[in-house]
């Protein structure tokens, strides 16, 4: 396990030395998420709040720096 939060003990995982996975979608920012919610609001009973993940950009940058672009990373 590489990361966890109050919602899930498995936010990021390492499988061996060549596989990393994250539970969230780092490519989805607040405007994209807002659009998803707005288009599907009719499917839920209450209004949904959307906010930028406070550490999402940092997690993604650390993932790229520490795994994707790391010396010896699988290509």
PDB file of N, CA and C in Angstrom:
ATOM      1  N   UNK A   1       0.836  -1.169   0.000  1.00  0.00           N
ATOM      2  CA  UNK A   1       0.000   0.000   0.000  1.00  0.00           C
ATOM      3  C   UNK A   1       0.884   1.236   0.000  1.00  0.00           C
ATOM      4  N   UNK A   2       0.586   2.173  -0.894  1.00  0.00           N
ATOM      5  CA  UNK A   2       1.362   3.407  -0.995  1.00  0.00           C
ATOM      6  C   UNK A   2       0.623   4.616  -0.447  1.00  0.00           C
ATOM      7  N   UNK A   3      -0.702   4.581  -0.482  1.00  0.00           N
ATOM      8  CA  UNK A   3      -1.485   5.723   0.002  1.00  0.00           C
ATOM      9  C   UNK A   3      -2.841   5.235   0.478  1.00  0.00           C
ATOM     10  N   UNK A   4      -3.394   5.962   1.450  1.00  0.00           N
ATOM     11  CA  UNK A   4      -4.729   5.671   1.975  1.00  0.00           C
ATOM     12  C   UNK A   4      -5.350   6.980   2.430  1.00  0.00           C
ATOM     13  N   UNK A   5      -6.650   6.953   2.699  1.00  0.00           N
ATOM     14  CA  UNK A   5      -7.322   8.103   3.290  1.00  0.00           C
ATOM     15  C   UNK A   5      -8.502   7.610   4.112  1.00  0.00           C
ATOM     16  N   UNK A   6      -9.299   8.523   4.604  1.00  0.00           N
ATOM     17  CA  UNK A   6     -10.404   8.130   5.477  1.00  0.00           C
ATOM     18  C   UNK A   6     -11.498   7.365   4.744  1.00  0.00           C
ATOM     19  N   UNK A   7     -11.510   7.399   3.424  1.00  0.00           N
ATOM     20  CA  UNK A   7     -12.534   6.702   2.641  1.00  0.00           C
ATOM     21  C   UNK A   7     -12.113   5.292   2.230  1.00  0.00           C
ATOM     22  N   UNK A   8     -10.810   5.082   2.083  1.00  0.00           N
ATOM     23  CA  UNK A   8     -10.334   3.786   1.604  1.00  0.00           C
ATOM     24  C   UNK A   8      -8.906   3.537   2.074  1.00  0.00           C
ATOM     25  N   UNK A   9      -8.626   2.336   2.540  1.00  0.00           N
ATOM     26  CA  UNK A   9      -7.253   2.018   2.922  1.00  0.00           C
ATOM     27  C   UNK A   9      -6.361   1.732   1.706  1.00  0.00           C
ATOM     28  N   UNK A  10      -6.929   1.749   0.514  1.00  0.00           N
ATOM     29  CA  UNK A  10      -6.178   1.406  -0.699  1.00  0.00           C
ATOM     30  C   UNK A  10      -6.335   2.482  -1.766  1.00  0.00           C
ATOM     31  N   UNK A  11      -5.726   3.629  -1.577  1.00  0.00           N
ATOM     32  CA  UNK A  11      -5.782   4.701  -2.567  1.00  0.00           C
ATOM     33  C   UNK A  11      -4.698   4.554  -3.625  1.00  0.00           C
ATOM     34  N   UNK A  12      -3.583   3.949  -3.264  1.00  0.00           N
ATOM     35  CA  UNK A  12      -2.507   3.678  -4.223  1.00  0.00           C
ATOM     36  C   UNK A  12      -1.799   2.403  -3.798  1.00  0.00           C
ATOM     37  N   UNK A  13      -1.477   1.565  -4.776  1.00  0.00           N
ATOM     38  CA  UNK A  13      -0.844   0.280  -4.488  1.00  0.00           C
ATOM     39  C   UNK A  13       0.373   0.068  -5.371  1.00  0.00           C
ATOM     40  N   UNK A  14       1.321  -0.692  -4.859  1.00  0.00           N
ATOM     41  CA  UNK A  14       2.462  -1.168  -5.640  1.00  0.00           C
ATOM     42  C   UNK A  14       2.311  -2.669  -5.781  1.00  0.00           C
ATOM     43  N   UNK A  15       2.497  -3.151  -6.996  1.00  0.00           N
ATOM     44  CA  UNK A  15       2.473  -4.586  -7.268  1.00  0.00           C
ATOM     45  C   UNK A  15       3.813  -4.911  -7.917  1.00  0.00           C
ATOM     46  N   UNK A  16       4.693  -5.514  -7.153  1.00  0.00           N
ATOM     47  CA  UNK A  16       6.041  -5.758  -7.647  1.00  0.00           C
ATOM     48  C   UNK A  16       6.787  -4.453  -7.846  1.00  0.00           C
ATOM     49  N   UNK A  17       7.745  -4.460  -8.768  1.00  0.00           N
ATOM     50  CA  UNK A  17       8.536  -3.258  -9.018  1.00  0.00           C
ATOM     51  C   UNK A  17       8.106  -2.487 -10.261  1.00  0.00           C
ATOM     52  N   UNK A  18       7.179  -3.040 -11.041  1.00  0.00           N
ATOM     53  CA  UNK A  18       6.829  -2.418 -12.314  1.00  0.00           C
ATOM     54  C   UNK A  18       5.373  -2.008 -12.440  1.00  0.00           C
ATOM     55  N   UNK A  19       4.583  -2.138 -11.389  1.00  0.00           N
ATOM     56  CA  UNK A  19       3.162  -1.810 -11.485  1.00  0.00           C
ATOM     57  C   UNK A  19       2.745  -0.925 -10.324  1.00  0.00           C
ATOM     58  N   UNK A  20       2.106   0.200 -10.643  1.00  0.00           N
ATOM     59  CA  UNK A  20       1.529   1.097  -9.645  1.00  0.00           C
ATOM     60  C   UNK A  20       0.109   1.402 -10.084  1.00  0.00           C
ATOM     61  N   UNK A  21      -0.777   1.572  -9.119  1.00  0.00           N
ATOM     62  CA  UNK A  21      -2.167   1.867  -9.415  1.00  0.00           C
ATOM     63  C   UNK A  21      -2.704   2.873  -8.406  1.00  0.00           C
ATOM     64  N   UNK A  22      -3.630   3.709  -8.850  1.00  0.00           N
ATOM     65  CA  UNK A  22      -4.282   4.668  -7.959  1.00  0.00           C
ATOM     66  C   UNK A  22      -5.791   4.493  -8.059  1.00  0.00           C
ATOM     67  N   UNK A  23      -6.479   4.787  -6.972  1.00  0.00           N
ATOM     68  CA  UNK A  23      -7.925   4.621  -6.874  1.00  0.00           C
ATOM     69  C   UNK A  23      -8.672   5.778  -7.533  1.00  0.00           C
ATOM     70  N   UNK A  24      -8.069   6.930  -7.586  1.00  0.00           N
ATOM     71  CA  UNK A  24      -8.729   8.111  -8.131  1.00  0.00           C
ATOM     72  C   UNK A  24      -8.345   8.309  -9.597  1.00  0.00           C
ATOM     73  N   UNK A  25      -8.942   9.290 -10.234  1.00  0.00           N
ATOM     74  CA  UNK A  25      -8.646   9.627 -11.618  1.00  0.00           C
ATOM     75  C   UNK A  25      -7.909  10.960 -11.636  1.00  0.00           C
ATOM     76  N   UNK A  26      -6.574  10.930 -11.650  1.00  0.00           N
ATOM     77  CA  UNK A  26      -5.822  12.193 -11.574  1.00  0.00           C
ATOM     78  C   UNK A  26      -6.038  13.114 -12.771  1.00  0.00           C
ATOM     79  N   UNK A  27      -6.545  12.582 -13.861  1.00  0.00           N
ATOM     80  CA  UNK A  27      -6.787  13.413 -15.039  1.00  0.00           C
ATOM     81  C   UNK A  27      -8.084  14.204 -14.943  1.00  0.00           C
ATOM     82  N   UNK A  28      -8.913  13.931 -13.934  1.00  0.00           N
ATOM     83  CA  UNK A  28     -10.203  14.602 -13.785  1.00  0.00           C
ATOM     84  C   UNK A  28     -10.051  15.766 -12.804  1.00  0.00           C
ATOM     85  N   UNK A  29     -10.154  16.981 -13.338  1.00  0.00           N
ATOM     86  CA  UNK A  29     -10.094  18.152 -12.468  1.00  0.00           C
ATOM     87  C   UNK A  29     -11.513  18.607 -12.117  1.00  0.00           C
ATOM     88  N   UNK A  30     -11.639  19.680 -11.369  1.00  0.00           N
ATOM     89  CA  UNK A  30     -12.950  20.138 -10.902  1.00  0.00           C
ATOM     90  C   UNK A  30     -13.913  20.454 -12.041  1.00  0.00           C
ATOM     91  N   UNK A  31     -13.504  21.157 -13.098  1.00  0.00           N
ATOM     92  CA  UNK A  31     -14.466  21.419 -14.182  1.00  0.00           C
ATOM     93  C   UNK A  31     -14.984  20.150 -14.851  1.00  0.00           C
ATOM     94  N   UNK A  32     -14.135  19.164 -15.044  1.00  0.00           N
ATOM     95  CA  UNK A  32     -14.579  17.899 -15.646  1.00  0.00           C
ATOM     96  C   UNK A  32     -15.537  17.184 -14.704  1.00  0.00           C
ATOM     97  N   UNK A  33     -15.193  17.118 -13.423  1.00  0.00           N
ATOM     98  CA  UNK A  33     -16.079  16.463 -12.446  1.00  0.00           C
ATOM     99  C   UNK A  33     -17.416  17.185 -12.347  1.00  0.00           C
ATOM    100  N   UNK A  34     -17.399  18.512 -12.362  1.00  0.00           N
ATOM    101  CA  UNK A  34     -18.637  19.300 -12.312  1.00  0.00           C
ATOM    102  C   UNK A  34     -19.510  18.955 -13.512  1.00  0.00           C
ATOM    103  N   UNK A  35     -18.919  18.830 -14.689  1.00  0.00           N
ATOM    104  CA  UNK A  35     -19.672  18.474 -15.887  1.00  0.00           C
ATOM    105  C   UNK A  35     -20.293  17.081 -15.747  1.00  0.00           C
ATOM    106  N   UNK A  36     -19.522  16.115 -15.233  1.00  0.00           N
ATOM    107  CA  UNK A  36     -20.072  14.769 -14.992  1.00  0.00           C
ATOM    108  C   UNK A  36     -21.308  14.846 -14.110  1.00  0.00           C
ATOM    109  N   UNK A  37     -21.183  15.568 -13.003  1.00  0.00           N
ATOM    110  CA  UNK A  37     -22.283  15.675 -12.039  1.00  0.00           C
ATOM    111  C   UNK A  37     -23.477  16.394 -12.653  1.00  0.00           C
ATOM    112  N   UNK A  38     -23.237  17.496 -13.323  1.00  0.00           N
ATOM    113  CA  UNK A  38     -24.340  18.258 -13.924  1.00  0.00           C
ATOM    114  C   UNK A  38     -25.113  17.424 -14.931  1.00  0.00           C
ATOM    115  N   UNK A  39     -24.404  16.636 -15.726  1.00  0.00           N
ATOM    116  CA  UNK A  39     -25.072  15.825 -16.755  1.00  0.00           C
ATOM    117  C   UNK A  39     -25.846  14.641 -16.171  1.00  0.00           C
ATOM    118  N   UNK A  40     -25.500  14.239 -14.946  1.00  0.00           N
ATOM    119  CA  UNK A  40     -26.141  13.066 -14.342  1.00  0.00           C
ATOM    120  C   UNK A  40     -26.958  13.401 -13.088  1.00  0.00           C
ATOM    121  N   UNK A  41     -27.153  14.679 -12.844  1.00  0.00           N
ATOM    122  CA  UNK A  41     -27.859  15.107 -11.641  1.00  0.00           C
ATOM    123  C   UNK A  41     -29.246  14.476 -11.547  1.00  0.00           C
ATOM    124  N   UNK A  42     -29.878  14.231 -12.663  1.00  0.00           N
ATOM    125  CA  UNK A  42     -31.219  13.643 -12.663  1.00  0.00           C
ATOM    126  C   UNK A  42     -31.233  12.209 -12.111  1.00  0.00           C
ATOM    127  N   UNK A  43     -30.069  11.592 -11.960  1.00  0.00           N
ATOM    128  CA  UNK A  43     -29.990  10.208 -11.483  1.00  0.00           C
ATOM    129  C   UNK A  43     -29.871  10.102  -9.963  1.00  0.00           C
ATOM    130  N   UNK A  44     -29.692  11.224  -9.278  1.00  0.00           N
ATOM    131  CA  UNK A  44     -29.530  11.197  -7.824  1.00  0.00           C
ATOM    132  C   UNK A  44     -30.612  12.031  -7.154  1.00  0.00           C
ATOM    133  N   UNK A  45     -30.852  11.739  -5.886  1.00  0.00           N
ATOM    134  CA  UNK A  45     -31.936  12.403  -5.169  1.00  0.00           C
ATOM    135  C   UNK A  45     -31.561  13.740  -4.552  1.00  0.00           C
ATOM    136  N   UNK A  46     -30.279  14.000  -4.407  1.00  0.00           N
ATOM    137  CA  UNK A  46     -29.862  15.272  -3.790  1.00  0.00           C
ATOM    138  C   UNK A  46     -28.726  15.893  -4.590  1.00  0.00           C
ATOM    139  N   UNK A  47     -28.524  17.168  -4.379  1.00  0.00           N
ATOM    140  CA  UNK A  47     -27.433  17.864  -5.064  1.00  0.00           C
ATOM    141  C   UNK A  47     -26.092  17.322  -4.565  1.00  0.00           C
ATOM    142  N   UNK A  48     -25.150  17.204  -5.462  1.00  0.00           N
ATOM    143  CA  UNK A  48     -23.821  16.714  -5.114  1.00  0.00           C
ATOM    144  C   UNK A  48     -22.815  17.857  -5.142  1.00  0.00           C
ATOM    145  N   UNK A  49     -21.939  17.871  -4.169  1.00  0.00           N
ATOM    146  CA  UNK A  49     -20.870  18.862  -4.131  1.00  0.00           C
ATOM    147  C   UNK A  49     -19.667  18.329  -4.893  1.00  0.00           C
ATOM    148  N   UNK A  50     -19.003  19.206  -5.617  1.00  0.00           N
ATOM    149  CA  UNK A  50     -17.789  18.847  -6.342  1.00  0.00           C
ATOM    150  C   UNK A  50     -16.708  19.837  -5.942  1.00  0.00           C
ATOM    151  N   UNK A  51     -15.544  19.310  -5.616  1.00  0.00           N
ATOM    152  CA  UNK A  51     -14.411  20.167  -5.269  1.00  0.00           C
ATOM    153  C   UNK A  51     -13.129  19.507  -5.744  1.00  0.00           C
ATOM    154  N   UNK A  52     -12.141  20.321  -5.997  1.00  0.00           N
ATOM    155  CA  UNK A  52     -10.827  19.827  -6.383  1.00  0.00           C
ATOM    156  C   UNK A  52     -10.252  18.992  -5.244  1.00  0.00           C
ATOM    157  N   UNK A  53      -9.660  17.859  -5.566  1.00  0.00           N
ATOM    158  CA  UNK A  53      -8.991  17.050  -4.545  1.00  0.00           C
ATOM    159  C   UNK A  53      -7.794  17.849  -4.034  1.00  0.00           C
ATOM    160  N   UNK A  54      -7.703  18.073  -2.736  1.00  0.00           N
ATOM    161  CA  UNK A  54      -6.681  18.982  -2.218  1.00  0.00           C
ATOM    162  C   UNK A  54      -5.247  18.548  -2.500  1.00  0.00           C
ATOM    163  N   UNK A  55      -4.997  17.268  -2.635  1.00  0.00           N
ATOM    164  CA  UNK A  55      -3.629  16.793  -2.865  1.00  0.00           C
ATOM    165  C   UNK A  55      -3.479  16.065  -4.188  1.00  0.00           C
ATOM    166  N   UNK A  56      -4.495  16.109  -5.044  1.00  0.00           N
ATOM    167  CA  UNK A  56      -4.467  15.369  -6.298  1.00  0.00           C
ATOM    168  C   UNK A  56      -3.291  15.715  -7.193  1.00  0.00           C
ATOM    169  N   UNK A  57      -3.021  17.005  -7.392  1.00  0.00           N
ATOM    170  CA  UNK A  57      -1.913  17.410  -8.262  1.00  0.00           C
ATOM    171  C   UNK A  57      -0.578  16.957  -7.693  1.00  0.00           C
ATOM    172  N   UNK A  58      -0.430  17.047  -6.376  1.00  0.00           N
ATOM    173  CA  UNK A  58       0.827  16.629  -5.752  1.00  0.00           C
ATOM    174  C   UNK A  58       1.008  15.121  -5.856  1.00  0.00           C
ATOM    175  N   UNK A  59      -0.063  14.368  -5.644  1.00  0.00           N
ATOM    176  CA  UNK A  59       0.018  12.909  -5.760  1.00  0.00           C
ATOM    177  C   UNK A  59       0.414  12.522  -7.179  1.00  0.00           C
ATOM    178  N   UNK A  60      -0.199  13.157  -8.170  1.00  0.00           N
ATOM    179  CA  UNK A  60       0.127  12.842  -9.559  1.00  0.00           C
ATOM    180  C   UNK A  60       1.577  13.224  -9.875  1.00  0.00           C
ATOM    181  N   UNK A  61       2.019  14.393  -9.436  1.00  0.00           N
ATOM    182  CA  UNK A  61       3.406  14.806  -9.679  1.00  0.00           C
ATOM    183  C   UNK A  61       4.388  13.849  -9.009  1.00  0.00           C
ATOM    184  N   UNK A  62       4.098  13.435  -7.783  1.00  0.00           N
ATOM    185  CA  UNK A  62       4.972  12.476  -7.092  1.00  0.00           C
ATOM    186  C   UNK A  62       4.985  11.130  -7.805  1.00  0.00           C
ATOM    187  N   UNK A  63       3.839  10.718  -8.325  1.00  0.00           N
ATOM    188  CA  UNK A  63       3.741   9.456  -9.062  1.00  0.00           C
ATOM    189  C   UNK A  63       4.634   9.510 -10.305  1.00  0.00           C
ATOM    190  N   UNK A  64       4.537  10.597 -11.051  1.00  0.00           N
ATOM    191  CA  UNK A  64       5.351  10.736 -12.259  1.00  0.00           C
ATOM    192  C   UNK A  64       6.832  10.803 -11.907  1.00  0.00           C
ATOM    193  N   UNK A  65       7.188  11.627 -10.936  1.00  0.00           N
ATOM    194  CA  UNK A  65       8.586  11.790 -10.553  1.00  0.00           C
ATOM    195  C   UNK A  65       9.163  10.506  -9.950  1.00  0.00           C
ATOM    196  N   UNK A  66       8.419   9.888  -9.055  1.00  0.00           N
ATOM    197  CA  UNK A  66       8.951   8.764  -8.313  1.00  0.00           C
ATOM    198  C   UNK A  66       8.816   7.410  -8.971  1.00  0.00           C
ATOM    199  N   UNK A  67       7.944   7.322  -9.965  1.00  0.00           N
ATOM    200  CA  UNK A  67       7.745   6.009 -10.587  1.00  0.00           C
ATOM    201  C   UNK A  67       7.900   6.065 -12.094  1.00  0.00           C
ATOM    202  N   UNK A  68       7.141   6.898 -12.749  1.00  0.00           N
ATOM    203  CA  UNK A  68       7.149   6.929 -14.214  1.00  0.00           C
ATOM    204  C   UNK A  68       8.486   7.430 -14.743  1.00  0.00           C
ATOM    205  N   UNK A  69       9.004   8.524 -14.191  1.00  0.00           N
ATOM    206  CA  UNK A  69      10.225   9.130 -14.698  1.00  0.00           C
ATOM    207  C   UNK A  69      11.463   8.723 -13.889  1.00  0.00           C
ATOM    208  N   UNK A  70      11.310   7.845 -12.935  1.00  0.00           N
ATOM    209  CA  UNK A  70      12.436   7.428 -12.081  1.00  0.00           C
ATOM    210  C   UNK A  70      13.471   6.656 -12.892  1.00  0.00           C
ATOM    211  N   UNK A  71      14.743   6.831 -12.549  1.00  0.00           N
ATOM    212  CA  UNK A  71      15.773   6.032 -13.229  1.00  0.00           C
ATOM    213  C   UNK A  71      15.461   4.541 -13.071  1.00  0.00           C
ATOM    214  N   UNK A  72      15.545   3.807 -14.153  1.00  0.00           N
ATOM    215  CA  UNK A  72      15.274   2.384 -14.118  1.00  0.00           C
ATOM    216  C   UNK A  72      13.809   2.017 -14.210  1.00  0.00           C
ATOM    217  N   UNK A  73      12.921   3.016 -14.408  1.00  0.00           N
ATOM    218  CA  UNK A  73      11.490   2.720 -14.502  1.00  0.00           C
ATOM    219  C   UNK A  73      11.227   1.877 -15.742  1.00  0.00           C
ATOM    220  N   UNK A  74      10.292   0.971 -15.617  1.00  0.00           N
ATOM    221  CA  UNK A  74       9.913   0.126 -16.755  1.00  0.00           C
ATOM    222  C   UNK A  74       9.360   0.992 -17.871  1.00  0.00           C
ATOM    223  N   UNK A  75       9.735   0.692 -19.070  1.00  0.00           N
ATOM    224  CA  UNK A  75       9.258   1.459 -20.240  1.00  0.00           C
ATOM    225  C   UNK A  75       8.589   0.523 -21.210  1.00  0.00           C
TER     226      UNK A  75
END
